[in-house]
Amino acid sequence: MDLGTYERILNLNLSHANFTTAGQIYTEILTRERAGGYLGRDVQMIPHVTGEVKRRLRQLAIEGGKNGKQADVVFVEVGGTVGD
C-alpha cells in the first residue's frame, strides 16, 4: 500500500487504475471464464493470469490513469507481505 507515498513523491493524484491487486486479476479471469471467454478451456496461470497482468499494464501505459494521458514510464512494484 505504498500508493500514497508515490502520490506524495510524484505530486500526482492517482486513481484506481494505478493500483491492482491479485484479487482484481483473479476476479477478471473468473468473470471472463464464466462468460465463455476461454471457449471451455482450462484457465491456467500461464498464459491467462500473466496475460491479464500484461494487458492491464499496457492499458495503463496507453490510456493513462486519471488524467488519460499516455505514460512515458510505467513503474511497477511487485511485492507481498514478509513471510509469504
PDB file of N, CA and C in Angstrom:
ATOM      1  N   MET A   1       0.814  -1.175   0.000  1.00  0.00           N
ATOM      2  CA  MET A   1       0.000   0.000   0.000  1.00  0.00           C
ATOM      3  C   MET A   1       0.870   1.256   0.000  1.00  0.00           C
ATOM      4  N   ASP A   2       1.831   1.285  -0.880  1.00  0.00           N
ATOM      5  CA  ASP A   2       2.734   2.425  -0.977  1.00  0.00           C
ATOM      6  C   ASP A   2       2.220   3.491  -1.932  1.00  0.00           C
ATOM      7  N   LEU A   3       1.005   3.346  -2.424  1.00  0.00           N
ATOM      8  CA  LEU A   3       0.496   4.273  -3.428  1.00  0.00           C
ATOM      9  C   LEU A   3       0.487   5.709  -2.914  1.00  0.00           C
ATOM     10  N   GLY A   4       0.138   5.912  -1.658  1.00  0.00           N
ATOM     11  CA  GLY A   4       0.142   7.257  -1.086  1.00  0.00           C
ATOM     12  C   GLY A   4       1.527   7.870  -1.075  1.00  0.00           C
ATOM     13  N   THR A   5       2.529   7.038  -0.832  1.00  0.00           N
ATOM     14  CA  THR A   5       3.914   7.515  -0.867  1.00  0.00           C
ATOM     15  C   THR A   5       4.268   7.990  -2.264  1.00  0.00           C
ATOM     16  N   TYR A   6       3.900   7.212  -3.267  1.00  0.00           N
ATOM     17  CA  TYR A   6       4.194   7.594  -4.649  1.00  0.00           C
ATOM     18  C   TYR A   6       3.449   8.864  -5.041  1.00  0.00           C
ATOM     19  N   GLU A   7       2.218   9.007  -4.575  1.00  0.00           N
ATOM     20  CA  GLU A   7       1.464  10.230  -4.870  1.00  0.00           C
ATOM     21  C   GLU A   7       2.176  11.459  -4.314  1.00  0.00           C
ATOM     22  N   ARG A   8       2.674  11.354  -3.090  1.00  0.00           N
ATOM     23  CA  ARG A   8       3.360  12.496  -2.469  1.00  0.00           C
ATOM     24  C   ARG A   8       4.678  12.804  -3.165  1.00  0.00           C
ATOM     25  N   ILE A   9       5.465  11.768  -3.460  1.00  0.00           N
ATOM     26  CA  ILE A   9       6.774  11.980  -4.081  1.00  0.00           C
ATOM     27  C   ILE A   9       6.629  12.553  -5.488  1.00  0.00           C
ATOM     28  N   LEU A  10       5.677  12.014  -6.261  1.00  0.00           N
ATOM     29  CA  LEU A  10       5.496  12.438  -7.648  1.00  0.00           C
ATOM     30  C   LEU A  10       4.579  13.651  -7.788  1.00  0.00           C
ATOM     31  N   ASN A  11       3.935  14.047  -6.690  1.00  0.00           N
ATOM     32  CA  ASN A  11       2.987  15.153  -6.703  1.00  0.00           C
ATOM     33  C   ASN A  11       1.873  14.916  -7.729  1.00  0.00           C
ATOM     34  N   LEU A  12       1.303  13.703  -7.670  1.00  0.00           N
ATOM     35  CA  LEU A  12       0.223  13.307  -8.570  1.00  0.00           C
ATOM     36  C   LEU A  12      -0.950  12.778  -7.767  1.00  0.00           C
ATOM     37  N   ASN A  13      -2.141  12.921  -8.304  1.00  0.00           N
ATOM     38  CA  ASN A  13      -3.314  12.255  -7.758  1.00  0.00           C
ATOM     39  C   ASN A  13      -3.569  11.028  -8.618  1.00  0.00           C
ATOM     40  N   LEU A  14      -3.390   9.859  -8.039  1.00  0.00           N
ATOM     41  CA  LEU A  14      -3.543   8.619  -8.789  1.00  0.00           C
ATOM     42  C   LEU A  14      -4.937   8.052  -8.588  1.00  0.00           C
ATOM     43  N   SER A  15      -5.402   7.275  -9.558  1.00  0.00           N
ATOM     44  CA  SER A  15      -6.746   6.704  -9.499  1.00  0.00           C
ATOM     45  C   SER A  15      -6.669   5.196  -9.275  1.00  0.00           C
ATOM     46  N   HIS A  16      -7.842   4.562  -9.246  1.00  0.00           N
ATOM     47  CA  HIS A  16      -7.892   3.110  -9.070  1.00  0.00           C
ATOM     48  C   HIS A  16      -7.193   2.377 -10.212  1.00  0.00           C
ATOM     49  N   ALA A  17      -7.069   2.995 -11.359  1.00  0.00           N
ATOM     50  CA  ALA A  17      -6.384   2.363 -12.492  1.00  0.00           C
ATOM     51  C   ALA A  17      -4.895   2.192 -12.221  1.00  0.00           C
ATOM     52  N   ASN A  18      -4.367   2.957 -11.275  1.00  0.00           N
ATOM     53  CA  ASN A  18      -2.948   2.905 -10.960  1.00  0.00           C
ATOM     54  C   ASN A  18      -2.608   1.871  -9.895  1.00  0.00           C
ATOM     55  N   PHE A  19      -3.591   1.114  -9.444  1.00  0.00           N
ATOM     56  CA  PHE A  19      -3.374   0.160  -8.363  1.00  0.00           C
ATOM     57  C   PHE A  19      -4.121  -1.122  -8.688  1.00  0.00           C
ATOM     58  N   THR A  20      -3.433  -2.235  -8.674  1.00  0.00           N
ATOM     59  CA  THR A  20      -4.053  -3.519  -8.995  1.00  0.00           C
ATOM     60  C   THR A  20      -3.658  -4.549  -7.951  1.00  0.00           C
ATOM     61  N   THR A  21      -4.621  -5.372  -7.550  1.00  0.00           N
ATOM     62  CA  THR A  21      -4.349  -6.453  -6.610  1.00  0.00           C
ATOM     63  C   THR A  21      -4.524  -7.792  -7.313  1.00  0.00           C
ATOM     64  N   ALA A  22      -3.992  -8.829  -6.701  1.00  0.00           N
ATOM     65  CA  ALA A  22      -4.160 -10.175  -7.246  1.00  0.00           C
ATOM     66  C   ALA A  22      -5.642 -10.540  -7.304  1.00  0.00           C
ATOM     67  N   GLY A  23      -6.404 -10.106  -6.308  1.00  0.00           N
ATOM     68  CA  GLY A  23      -7.837 -10.388  -6.295  1.00  0.00           C
ATOM     69  C   GLY A  23      -8.558  -9.788  -7.491  1.00  0.00           C
ATOM     70  N   GLN A  24      -8.167  -8.584  -7.897  1.00  0.00           N
ATOM     71  CA  GLN A  24      -8.769  -7.962  -9.078  1.00  0.00           C
ATOM     72  C   GLN A  24      -8.436  -8.760 -10.332  1.00  0.00           C
ATOM     73  N   ILE A  25      -7.206  -9.237 -10.418  1.00  0.00           N
ATOM     74  CA  ILE A  25      -6.784 -10.037 -11.572  1.00  0.00           C
ATOM     75  C   ILE A  25      -7.595 -11.324 -11.633  1.00  0.00           C
ATOM     76  N   TYR A  26      -7.680 -12.039 -10.499  1.00  0.00           N
ATOM     77  CA  TYR A  26      -8.409 -13.312 -10.471  1.00  0.00           C
ATOM     78  C   TYR A  26      -9.897 -13.115 -10.737  1.00  0.00           C
ATOM     79  N   THR A  27     -10.478 -12.038 -10.220  1.00  0.00           N
ATOM     80  CA  THR A  27     -11.891 -11.764 -10.480  1.00  0.00           C
ATOM     81  C   THR A  27     -12.136 -11.554 -11.966  1.00  0.00           C
ATOM     82  N   GLU A  28     -11.269 -10.802 -12.620  1.00  0.00           N
ATOM     83  CA  GLU A  28     -11.396 -10.576 -14.063  1.00  0.00           C
ATOM     84  C   GLU A  28     -11.282 -11.887 -14.836  1.00  0.00           C
ATOM     85  N   ILE A  29     -10.334 -12.734 -14.456  1.00  0.00           N
ATOM     86  CA  ILE A  29     -10.134 -14.025 -15.121  1.00  0.00           C
ATOM     87  C   ILE A  29     -11.374 -14.900 -14.952  1.00  0.00           C
ATOM     88  N   LEU A  30     -11.891 -14.992 -13.723  1.00  0.00           N
ATOM     89  CA  LEU A  30     -13.064 -15.832 -13.469  1.00  0.00           C
ATOM     90  C   LEU A  30     -14.305 -15.302 -14.173  1.00  0.00           C
ATOM     91  N   THR A  31     -14.479 -14.002 -14.201  1.00  0.00           N
ATOM     92  CA  THR A  31     -15.617 -13.404 -14.908  1.00  0.00           C
ATOM     93  C   THR A  31     -15.547 -13.723 -16.396  1.00  0.00           C
ATOM     94  N   ARG A  32     -14.368 -13.575 -16.969  1.00  0.00           N
ATOM     95  CA  ARG A  32     -14.179 -13.872 -18.390  1.00  0.00           C
ATOM     96  C   ARG A  32     -14.406 -15.363 -18.669  1.00  0.00           C
ATOM     97  N   GLU A  33     -13.947 -16.214 -17.753  1.00  0.00           N
ATOM     98  CA  GLU A  33     -14.109 -17.662 -17.935  1.00  0.00           C
ATOM     99  C   GLU A  33     -15.587 -18.049 -17.876  1.00  0.00           C
ATOM    100  N   ARG A  34     -16.322 -17.471 -16.947  1.00  0.00           N
ATOM    101  CA  ARG A  34     -17.752 -17.775 -16.806  1.00  0.00           C
ATOM    102  C   ARG A  34     -18.563 -17.257 -17.982  1.00  0.00           C
ATOM    103  N   ALA A  35     -18.067 -16.220 -18.639  1.00  0.00           N
ATOM    104  CA  ALA A  35     -18.749 -15.672 -19.813  1.00  0.00           C
ATOM    105  C   ALA A  35     -18.364 -16.422 -21.091  1.00  0.00           C
ATOM    106  N   GLY A  36     -17.512 -17.439 -20.963  1.00  0.00           N
ATOM    107  CA  GLY A  36     -17.115 -18.228 -22.128  1.00  0.00           C
ATOM    108  C   GLY A  36     -15.946 -17.657 -22.894  1.00  0.00           C
ATOM    109  N   GLY A  37     -15.229 -16.736 -22.281  1.00  0.00           N
ATOM    110  CA  GLY A  37     -14.116 -16.075 -22.961  1.00  0.00           C
ATOM    111  C   GLY A  37     -12.937 -16.973 -23.281  1.00  0.00           C
ATOM    112  N   TYR A  38     -12.869 -18.124 -22.635  1.00  0.00           N
ATOM    113  CA  TYR A  38     -11.760 -19.050 -22.889  1.00  0.00           C
ATOM    114  C   TYR A  38     -12.222 -20.283 -23.662  1.00  0.00           C
ATOM    115  N   LEU A  39     -13.459 -20.226 -24.176  1.00  0.00           N
ATOM    116  CA  LEU A  39     -14.016 -21.272 -25.036  1.00  0.00           C
ATOM    117  C   LEU A  39     -13.965 -22.655 -24.401  1.00  0.00           C
ATOM    118  N   GLY A  40     -14.209 -22.725 -23.088  1.00  0.00           N
ATOM    119  CA  GLY A  40     -14.265 -24.001 -22.388  1.00  0.00           C
ATOM    120  C   GLY A  40     -12.921 -24.594 -22.007  1.00  0.00           C
ATOM    121  N   ARG A  41     -11.845 -23.922 -22.361  1.00  0.00           N
ATOM    122  CA  ARG A  41     -10.514 -24.434 -21.999  1.00  0.00           C
ATOM    123  C   ARG A  41     -10.252 -24.198 -20.515  1.00  0.00           C
ATOM    124  N   ASP A  42      -9.287 -24.942 -19.985  1.00  0.00           N
ATOM    125  CA  ASP A  42      -8.875 -24.736 -18.600  1.00  0.00           C
ATOM    126  C   ASP A  42      -8.177 -23.390 -18.471  1.00  0.00           C
ATOM    127  N   VAL A  43      -8.466 -22.693 -17.386  1.00  0.00           N
ATOM    128  CA  VAL A  43      -7.771 -21.439 -17.100  1.00  0.00           C
ATOM    129  C   VAL A  43      -6.475 -21.794 -16.391  1.00  0.00           C
ATOM    130  N   GLN A  44      -5.384 -21.221 -16.869  1.00  0.00           N
ATOM    131  CA  GLN A  44      -4.071 -21.538 -16.316  1.00  0.00           C
ATOM    132  C   GLN A  44      -3.360 -20.254 -15.904  1.00  0.00           C
ATOM    133  N   MET A  45      -2.415 -20.425 -14.974  1.00  0.00           N
ATOM    134  CA  MET A  45      -1.635 -19.274 -14.515  1.00  0.00           C
ATOM    135  C   MET A  45      -0.901 -18.646 -15.695  1.00  0.00           C
ATOM    136  N   ILE A  46      -0.242 -19.489 -16.475  1.00  0.00           N
ATOM    137  CA  ILE A  46       0.420 -19.043 -17.705  1.00  0.00           C
ATOM    138  C   ILE A  46      -0.318 -19.743 -18.831  1.00  0.00           C
ATOM    139  N   PRO A  47      -0.970 -19.079 -19.692  1.00  0.00           N
ATOM    140  CA  PRO A  47      -0.830 -17.701 -20.121  1.00  0.00           C
ATOM    141  C   PRO A  47      -1.922 -16.759 -19.617  1.00  0.00           C
ATOM    142  N   HIS A  48      -2.982 -17.269 -18.994  1.00  0.00           N
ATOM    143  CA  HIS A  48      -4.155 -16.437 -18.733  1.00  0.00           C
ATOM    144  C   HIS A  48      -3.931 -15.370 -17.663  1.00  0.00           C
ATOM    145  N   VAL A  49      -3.400 -15.745 -16.515  1.00  0.00           N
ATOM    146  CA  VAL A  49      -3.203 -14.763 -15.441  1.00  0.00           C
ATOM    147  C   VAL A  49      -2.079 -13.797 -15.801  1.00  0.00           C
ATOM    148  N   THR A  50      -0.971 -14.324 -16.290  1.00  0.00           N
ATOM    149  CA  THR A  50       0.132 -13.437 -16.682  1.00  0.00           C
ATOM    150  C   THR A  50      -0.284 -12.528 -17.836  1.00  0.00           C
ATOM    151  N   GLY A  51      -1.116 -13.044 -18.719  1.00  0.00           N
ATOM    152  CA  GLY A  51      -1.619 -12.230 -19.825  1.00  0.00           C
ATOM    153  C   GLY A  51      -2.488 -11.078 -19.340  1.00  0.00           C
ATOM    154  N   GLU A  52      -3.286 -11.323 -18.302  1.00  0.00           N
ATOM    155  CA  GLU A  52      -4.128 -10.258 -17.742  1.00  0.00           C
ATOM    156  C   GLU A  52      -3.274  -9.181 -17.075  1.00  0.00           C
ATOM    157  N   VAL A  53      -2.209  -9.585 -16.402  1.00  0.00           N
ATOM    158  CA  VAL A  53      -1.296  -8.608 -15.792  1.00  0.00           C
ATOM    159  C   VAL A  53      -0.687  -7.733 -16.886  1.00  0.00           C
ATOM    160  N   LYS A  54      -0.202  -8.360 -17.956  1.00  0.00           N
ATOM    161  CA  LYS A  54       0.397  -7.598 -19.058  1.00  0.00           C
ATOM    162  C   LYS A  54      -0.631  -6.695 -19.734  1.00  0.00           C
ATOM    163  N   ARG A  55      -1.862  -7.184 -19.893  1.00  0.00           N
ATOM    164  CA  ARG A  55      -2.913  -6.380 -20.520  1.00  0.00           C
ATOM    165  C   ARG A  55      -3.187  -5.116 -19.705  1.00  0.00           C
ATOM    166  N   ARG A  56      -3.266  -5.267 -18.383  1.00  0.00           N
ATOM    167  CA  ARG A  56      -3.529  -4.111 -17.523  1.00  0.00           C
ATOM    168  C   ARG A  56      -2.389  -3.100 -17.568  1.00  0.00           C
ATOM    169  N   LEU A  57      -1.155  -3.588 -17.591  1.00  0.00           N
ATOM    170  CA  LEU A  57      -0.012  -2.673 -17.665  1.00  0.00           C
ATOM    171  C   LEU A  57       0.003  -1.925 -18.992  1.00  0.00           C
ATOM    172  N   ARG A  58      -0.259  -2.640 -20.073  1.00  0.00           N
ATOM    173  CA  ARG A  58      -0.297  -1.987 -21.387  1.00  0.00           C
ATOM    174  C   ARG A  58      -1.425  -0.971 -21.464  1.00  0.00           C
ATOM    175  N   GLN A  59      -2.589  -1.337 -20.922  1.00  0.00           N
ATOM    176  CA  GLN A  59      -3.734  -0.428 -20.936  1.00  0.00           C
ATOM    177  C   GLN A  59      -3.417   0.841 -20.150  1.00  0.00           C
ATOM    178  N   LEU A  60      -2.773   0.695 -19.000  1.00  0.00           N
ATOM    179  CA  LEU A  60      -2.397   1.858 -18.207  1.00  0.00           C
ATOM    180  C   LEU A  60      -1.400   2.728 -18.960  1.00  0.00           C
ATOM    181  N   ALA A  61      -0.444   2.102 -19.644  1.00  0.00           N
ATOM    182  CA  ALA A  61       0.568   2.858 -20.390  1.00  0.00           C
ATOM    183  C   ALA A  61      -0.054   3.618 -21.560  1.00  0.00           C
ATOM    184  N   ILE A  62      -1.008   2.992 -22.238  1.00  0.00           N
ATOM    185  CA  ILE A  62      -1.598   3.596 -23.435  1.00  0.00           C
ATOM    186  C   ILE A  62      -2.695   4.603 -23.081  1.00  0.00           C
ATOM    187  N   GLU A  63      -3.610   4.210 -22.201  1.00  0.00           N
ATOM    188  CA  GLU A  63      -4.760   5.064 -21.886  1.00  0.00           C
ATOM    189  C   GLU A  63      -4.496   6.002 -20.720  1.00  0.00           C
ATOM    190  N   GLY A  64      -3.487   5.704 -19.943  1.00  0.00           N
ATOM    191  CA  GLY A  64      -3.200   6.532 -18.779  1.00  0.00           C
ATOM    192  C   GLY A  64      -4.154   6.242 -17.647  1.00  0.00           C
ATOM    193  N   GLY A  65      -3.929   6.870 -16.544  1.00  0.00           N
ATOM    194  CA  GLY A  65      -4.781   6.698 -15.379  1.00  0.00           C
ATOM    195  C   GLY A  65      -5.855   7.752 -15.344  1.00  0.00           C
ATOM    196  N   LYS A  66      -5.861   8.504 -14.279  1.00  0.00           N
ATOM    197  CA  LYS A  66      -6.893   9.514 -14.051  1.00  0.00           C
ATOM    198  C   LYS A  66      -6.850  10.629 -15.092  1.00  0.00           C
ATOM    199  N   ASN A  67      -5.646  10.991 -15.527  1.00  0.00           N
ATOM    200  CA  ASN A  67      -5.520  12.117 -16.458  1.00  0.00           C
ATOM    201  C   ASN A  67      -5.737  11.727 -17.917  1.00  0.00           C
ATOM    202  N   GLY A  68      -5.739  10.440 -18.234  1.00  0.00           N
ATOM    203  CA  GLY A  68      -5.998   9.989 -19.593  1.00  0.00           C
ATOM    204  C   GLY A  68      -4.855  10.174 -20.566  1.00  0.00           C
ATOM    205  N   LYS A  69      -3.682  10.565 -20.088  1.00  0.00           N
ATOM    206  CA  LYS A  69      -2.523  10.747 -20.965  1.00  0.00           C
ATOM    207  C   LYS A  69      -1.729   9.452 -21.064  1.00  0.00           C
ATOM    208  N   GLN A  70      -1.074   9.267 -22.208  1.00  0.00           N
ATOM    209  CA  GLN A  70      -0.175   8.132 -22.347  1.00  0.00           C
ATOM    210  C   GLN A  70       0.988   8.297 -21.386  1.00  0.00           C
ATOM    211  N   ALA A  71       1.436   7.176 -20.850  1.00  0.00           N
ATOM    212  CA  ALA A  71       2.538   7.214 -19.891  1.00  0.00           C
ATOM    213  C   ALA A  71       3.877   7.228 -20.613  1.00  0.00           C
ATOM    214  N   ASP A  72       4.802   7.997 -20.083  1.00  0.00           N
ATOM    215  CA  ASP A  72       6.181   7.934 -20.557  1.00  0.00           C
ATOM    216  C   ASP A  72       6.869   6.726 -19.937  1.00  0.00           C
ATOM    217  N   VAL A  73       6.532   6.459 -18.683  1.00  0.00           N
ATOM    218  CA  VAL A  73       7.125   5.362 -17.923  1.00  0.00           C
ATOM    219  C   VAL A  73       6.034   4.738 -17.069  1.00  0.00           C
ATOM    220  N   VAL A  74       6.050   3.411 -16.956  1.00  0.00           N
ATOM    221  CA  VAL A  74       5.162   2.717 -16.029  1.00  0.00           C
ATOM    222  C   VAL A  74       6.050   2.061 -14.984  1.00  0.00           C
ATOM    223  N   PHE A  75       5.902   2.489 -13.746  1.00  0.00           N
ATOM    224  CA  PHE A  75       6.687   1.970 -12.634  1.00  0.00           C
ATOM    225  C   PHE A  75       5.868   0.883 -11.962  1.00  0.00           C
ATOM    226  N   VAL A  76       6.428  -0.323 -11.841  1.00  0.00           N
ATOM    227  CA  VAL A  76       5.707  -1.459 -11.277  1.00  0.00           C
ATOM    228  C   VAL A  76       6.415  -1.920 -10.014  1.00  0.00           C
ATOM    229  N   GLU A  77       5.672  -1.990  -8.938  1.00  0.00           N
ATOM    230  CA  GLU A  77       6.206  -2.563  -7.703  1.00  0.00           C
ATOM    231  C   GLU A  77       5.520  -3.896  -7.487  1.00  0.00           C
ATOM    232  N   VAL A  78       6.294  -4.951  -7.460  1.00  0.00           N
ATOM    233  CA  VAL A  78       5.764  -6.289  -7.218  1.00  0.00           C
ATOM    234  C   VAL A  78       6.224  -6.692  -5.831  1.00  0.00           C
ATOM    235  N   GLY A  79       5.291  -7.036  -4.998  1.00  0.00           N
ATOM    236  CA  GLY A  79       5.685  -7.401  -3.649  1.00  0.00           C
ATOM    237  C   GLY A  79       4.559  -8.072  -2.911  1.00  0.00           C
ATOM    238  N   GLY A  80       4.847  -8.406  -1.700  1.00  0.00           N
ATOM    239  CA  GLY A  80       3.860  -9.049  -0.859  1.00  0.00           C
ATOM    240  C   GLY A  80       4.198  -8.799   0.591  1.00  0.00           C
ATOM    241  N   THR A  81       3.623  -9.592   1.439  1.00  0.00           N
ATOM    242  CA  THR A  81       3.851  -9.466   2.863  1.00  0.00           C
ATOM    243  C   THR A  81       5.055 -10.302   3.259  1.00  0.00           C
ATOM    244  N   VAL A  82       5.861  -9.795   4.154  1.00  0.00           N
ATOM    245  CA  VAL A  82       7.012 -10.548   4.640  1.00  0.00           C
ATOM    246  C   VAL A  82       6.510 -11.845   5.256  1.00  0.00           C
ATOM    247  N   GLY A  83       7.111 -12.940   4.856  1.00  0.00           N
ATOM    248  CA  GLY A  83       6.712 -14.239   5.380  1.00  0.00           C
ATOM    249  C   GLY A  83       5.812 -15.018   4.444  1.00  0.00           C
ATOM    250  N   ASP A  84       5.360 -14.399   3.377  1.00  0.00           N
ATOM    251  CA  ASP A  84       4.525 -15.114   2.398  1.00  0.00           C
ATOM    252  C   ASP A  84       5.372 -16.059   1.591  1.00  0.00           C
TER     253      ASP A  84
END
